[in-house]
Amino acid sequence: MERQMRSKLFNHFMIMDRTFYQRHRTGDLMAHATNDVSAIQNVAGDGVLTLVDSLIMGLSTMIAMIIFVDWRLTVIVLLPLPFLALGAWKFWTISIFYCLYF
């Protein structure tokens, strides 16, 4: 996947006109090509694996709590989760806003 993305980026660079290369420094383009493709590869590989692992572990933990502890206690423990998720999402959007504009 990484090789294919680098090939597409190289082909895109080859069709750009001369003014594009006059406006952007070659070193910056190379840095973006190297770092951005590597970051996408990390997210596509490790990010998906981490997401699947977290979902499986979370569901198996909830099922184990229901079976081995008590279903009422499990419900009480899981009630704050939507609020925690909403708070995390709100914090994430605020931090992205400050990163982009300040």
C-alpha atoms as a PDB file:
ATOM      1  CA  MET A   1       0.000   0.000   0.000  1.00  0.00           C
ATOM      2  CA  GLU A   2       2.800   2.393   0.877  1.00  0.00           C
ATOM      3  CA  ARG A   3       4.582   1.719  -2.411  1.00  0.00           C
ATOM      4  CA  GLN A   4       1.385   2.357  -4.357  1.00  0.00           C
ATOM      5  CA  MET A   5       0.784   5.653  -2.544  1.00  0.00           C
ATOM      6  CA  ARG A   6       4.354   6.785  -3.185  1.00  0.00           C
ATOM      7  CA  SER A   7       3.993   5.858  -6.850  1.00  0.00           C
ATOM      8  CA  LYS A   8       0.775   7.858  -7.177  1.00  0.00           C
ATOM      9  CA  LEU A   9       2.367  10.828  -5.440  1.00  0.00           C
ATOM     10  CA  PHE A  10       5.391  10.654  -7.740  1.00  0.00           C
ATOM     11  CA  ASN A  11       3.109  10.526 -10.806  1.00  0.00           C
ATOM     12  CA  HIS A  12       1.208  13.527  -9.458  1.00  0.00           C
ATOM     13  CA  PHE A  13       4.463  15.429  -8.965  1.00  0.00           C
ATOM     14  CA  MET A  14       5.463  14.611 -12.533  1.00  0.00           C
ATOM     15  CA  ILE A  15       2.344  16.249 -14.033  1.00  0.00           C
ATOM     16  CA  MET A  16       2.644  19.454 -12.018  1.00  0.00           C
ATOM     17  CA  ASP A  17       3.688  22.530 -13.943  1.00  0.00           C
ATOM     18  CA  ARG A  18       6.806  24.620 -13.456  1.00  0.00           C
ATOM     19  CA  THR A  19       5.097  27.321 -11.382  1.00  0.00           C
ATOM     20  CA  PHE A  20       4.177  24.726  -8.751  1.00  0.00           C
ATOM     21  CA  TYR A  21       7.864  23.957  -8.234  1.00  0.00           C
ATOM     22  CA  GLN A  22       8.721  27.656  -8.172  1.00  0.00           C
ATOM     23  CA  ARG A  23       6.210  28.247  -5.365  1.00  0.00           C
ATOM     24  CA  HIS A  24       7.136  25.168  -3.290  1.00  0.00           C
ATOM     25  CA  ARG A  25      10.618  24.158  -2.253  1.00  0.00           C
ATOM     26  CA  THR A  26      11.754  20.707  -3.294  1.00  0.00           C
ATOM     27  CA  GLY A  27      12.915  19.821   0.214  1.00  0.00           C
ATOM     28  CA  ASP A  28       9.492  20.640   1.640  1.00  0.00           C
ATOM     29  CA  LEU A  29       7.795  18.492  -0.990  1.00  0.00           C
ATOM     30  CA  MET A  30      10.120  15.583  -0.250  1.00  0.00           C
ATOM     31  CA  ALA A  31       9.592  15.953   3.499  1.00  0.00           C
ATOM     32  CA  HIS A  32       5.827  15.959   3.065  1.00  0.00           C
ATOM     33  CA  ALA A  33       5.995  12.979   0.727  1.00  0.00           C
ATOM     34  CA  THR A  34       8.086  10.971   3.165  1.00  0.00           C
ATOM     35  CA  ASN A  35       6.399  11.940   6.434  1.00  0.00           C
ATOM     36  CA  ASP A  36       2.785  12.028   5.251  1.00  0.00           C
ATOM     37  CA  VAL A  37       2.906   8.684   3.473  1.00  0.00           C
ATOM     38  CA  SER A  38       4.521   7.108   6.539  1.00  0.00           C
ATOM     39  CA  ALA A  39       1.874   8.639   8.815  1.00  0.00           C
ATOM     40  CA  ILE A  40      -0.925   7.314   6.617  1.00  0.00           C
ATOM     41  CA  GLN A  41       0.702   3.878   6.645  1.00  0.00           C
ATOM     42  CA  ASN A  42       0.871   3.940  10.452  1.00  0.00           C
ATOM     43  CA  VAL A  43      -2.783   4.913  10.775  1.00  0.00           C
ATOM     44  CA  ALA A  44      -3.926   2.373   8.204  1.00  0.00           C
ATOM     45  CA  GLY A  45      -1.936  -0.442   9.793  1.00  0.00           C
ATOM     46  CA  ASP A  46      -1.598   0.154  13.502  1.00  0.00           C
ATOM     47  CA  GLY A  47      -4.716   2.296  13.858  1.00  0.00           C
ATOM     48  CA  VAL A  48      -7.071  -0.326  12.497  1.00  0.00           C
ATOM     49  CA  LEU A  49      -5.389  -3.045  14.562  1.00  0.00           C
ATOM     50  CA  THR A  50      -5.698  -0.959  17.726  1.00  0.00           C
ATOM     51  CA  LEU A  51      -9.362  -0.207  17.013  1.00  0.00           C
ATOM     52  CA  VAL A  52     -10.254  -3.869  16.497  1.00  0.00           C
ATOM     53  CA  ASP A  53      -8.266  -4.897  19.565  1.00  0.00           C
ATOM     54  CA  SER A  54      -9.995  -2.270  21.716  1.00  0.00           C
ATOM     55  CA  LEU A  55     -13.451  -3.274  20.521  1.00  0.00           C
ATOM     56  CA  ILE A  56     -12.858  -6.980  21.132  1.00  0.00           C
ATOM     57  CA  MET A  57     -11.341  -6.401  24.574  1.00  0.00           C
ATOM     58  CA  GLY A  58     -14.100  -3.987  25.583  1.00  0.00           C
ATOM     59  CA  LEU A  59     -16.907  -6.303  24.498  1.00  0.00           C
ATOM     60  CA  SER A  60     -15.328  -9.364  26.103  1.00  0.00           C
ATOM     61  CA  THR A  61     -14.810  -7.425  29.351  1.00  0.00           C
ATOM     62  CA  MET A  62     -18.458  -6.317  29.387  1.00  0.00           C
ATOM     63  CA  ILE A  63     -19.659  -9.865  28.729  1.00  0.00           C
ATOM     64  CA  ALA A  64     -17.393 -11.223  31.468  1.00  0.00           C
ATOM     65  CA  MET A  65     -18.685  -8.593  33.910  1.00  0.00           C
ATOM     66  CA  ILE A  66     -22.290  -9.492  33.095  1.00  0.00           C
ATOM     67  CA  ILE A  67     -21.691 -13.229  33.479  1.00  0.00           C
ATOM     68  CA  PHE A  68     -19.261 -13.380  36.415  1.00  0.00           C
ATOM     69  CA  VAL A  69     -20.012 -10.261  38.489  1.00  0.00           C
ATOM     70  CA  ASP A  70     -23.551  -8.894  38.246  1.00  0.00           C
ATOM     71  CA  TRP A  71     -25.534  -7.430  35.375  1.00  0.00           C
ATOM     72  CA  ARG A  72     -26.854  -4.538  37.522  1.00  0.00           C
ATOM     73  CA  LEU A  73     -23.369  -3.506  38.585  1.00  0.00           C
ATOM     74  CA  THR A  74     -22.245  -3.709  34.958  1.00  0.00           C
ATOM     75  CA  VAL A  75     -25.045  -1.349  33.910  1.00  0.00           C
ATOM     76  CA  ILE A  76     -24.140   1.100  36.680  1.00  0.00           C
ATOM     77  CA  VAL A  77     -20.466   1.013  35.683  1.00  0.00           C
ATOM     78  CA  LEU A  78     -21.239   1.510  31.979  1.00  0.00           C
ATOM     79  CA  LEU A  79     -23.666   4.426  32.444  1.00  0.00           C
ATOM     80  CA  PRO A  80     -20.944   7.138  32.471  1.00  0.00           C
ATOM     81  CA  LEU A  81     -19.331   5.857  29.237  1.00  0.00           C
ATOM     82  CA  PRO A  82     -21.446   7.961  26.820  1.00  0.00           C
ATOM     83  CA  PHE A  83     -20.637  11.086  28.820  1.00  0.00           C
ATOM     84  CA  LEU A  84     -16.938  10.243  28.835  1.00  0.00           C
ATOM     85  CA  ALA A  85     -17.026   9.665  25.077  1.00  0.00           C
ATOM     86  CA  LEU A  86     -18.828  12.986  24.537  1.00  0.00           C
ATOM     87  CA  GLY A  87     -16.275  14.792  26.716  1.00  0.00           C
ATOM     88  CA  ALA A  88     -13.361  13.192  24.865  1.00  0.00           C
ATOM     89  CA  TRP A  89     -14.871  14.122  21.501  1.00  0.00           C
ATOM     90  CA  LYS A  90     -15.453  17.717  22.665  1.00  0.00           C
ATOM     91  CA  PHE A  91     -11.892  17.981  23.971  1.00  0.00           C
ATOM     92  CA  TRP A  92     -10.568  16.572  20.690  1.00  0.00           C
ATOM     93  CA  THR A  93     -12.477  19.103  18.563  1.00  0.00           C
ATOM     94  CA  ILE A  94     -11.338  21.998  20.762  1.00  0.00           C
ATOM     95  CA  SER A  95      -7.700  20.868  20.628  1.00  0.00           C
ATOM     96  CA  ILE A  96      -7.863  20.481  16.833  1.00  0.00           C
ATOM     97  CA  PHE A  97      -9.317  24.003  16.566  1.00  0.00           C
ATOM     98  CA  TYR A  98      -6.491  25.471  18.663  1.00  0.00           C
ATOM     99  CA  CYS A  99      -3.849  23.527  16.745  1.00  0.00           C
ATOM    100  CA  LEU A 100      -5.156  24.815  13.425  1.00  0.00           C
ATOM    101  CA  TYR A 101      -5.798  28.456  14.299  1.00  0.00           C
ATOM    102  CA  PHE A 102      -3.343  29.369  17.045  1.00  0.00           C
END
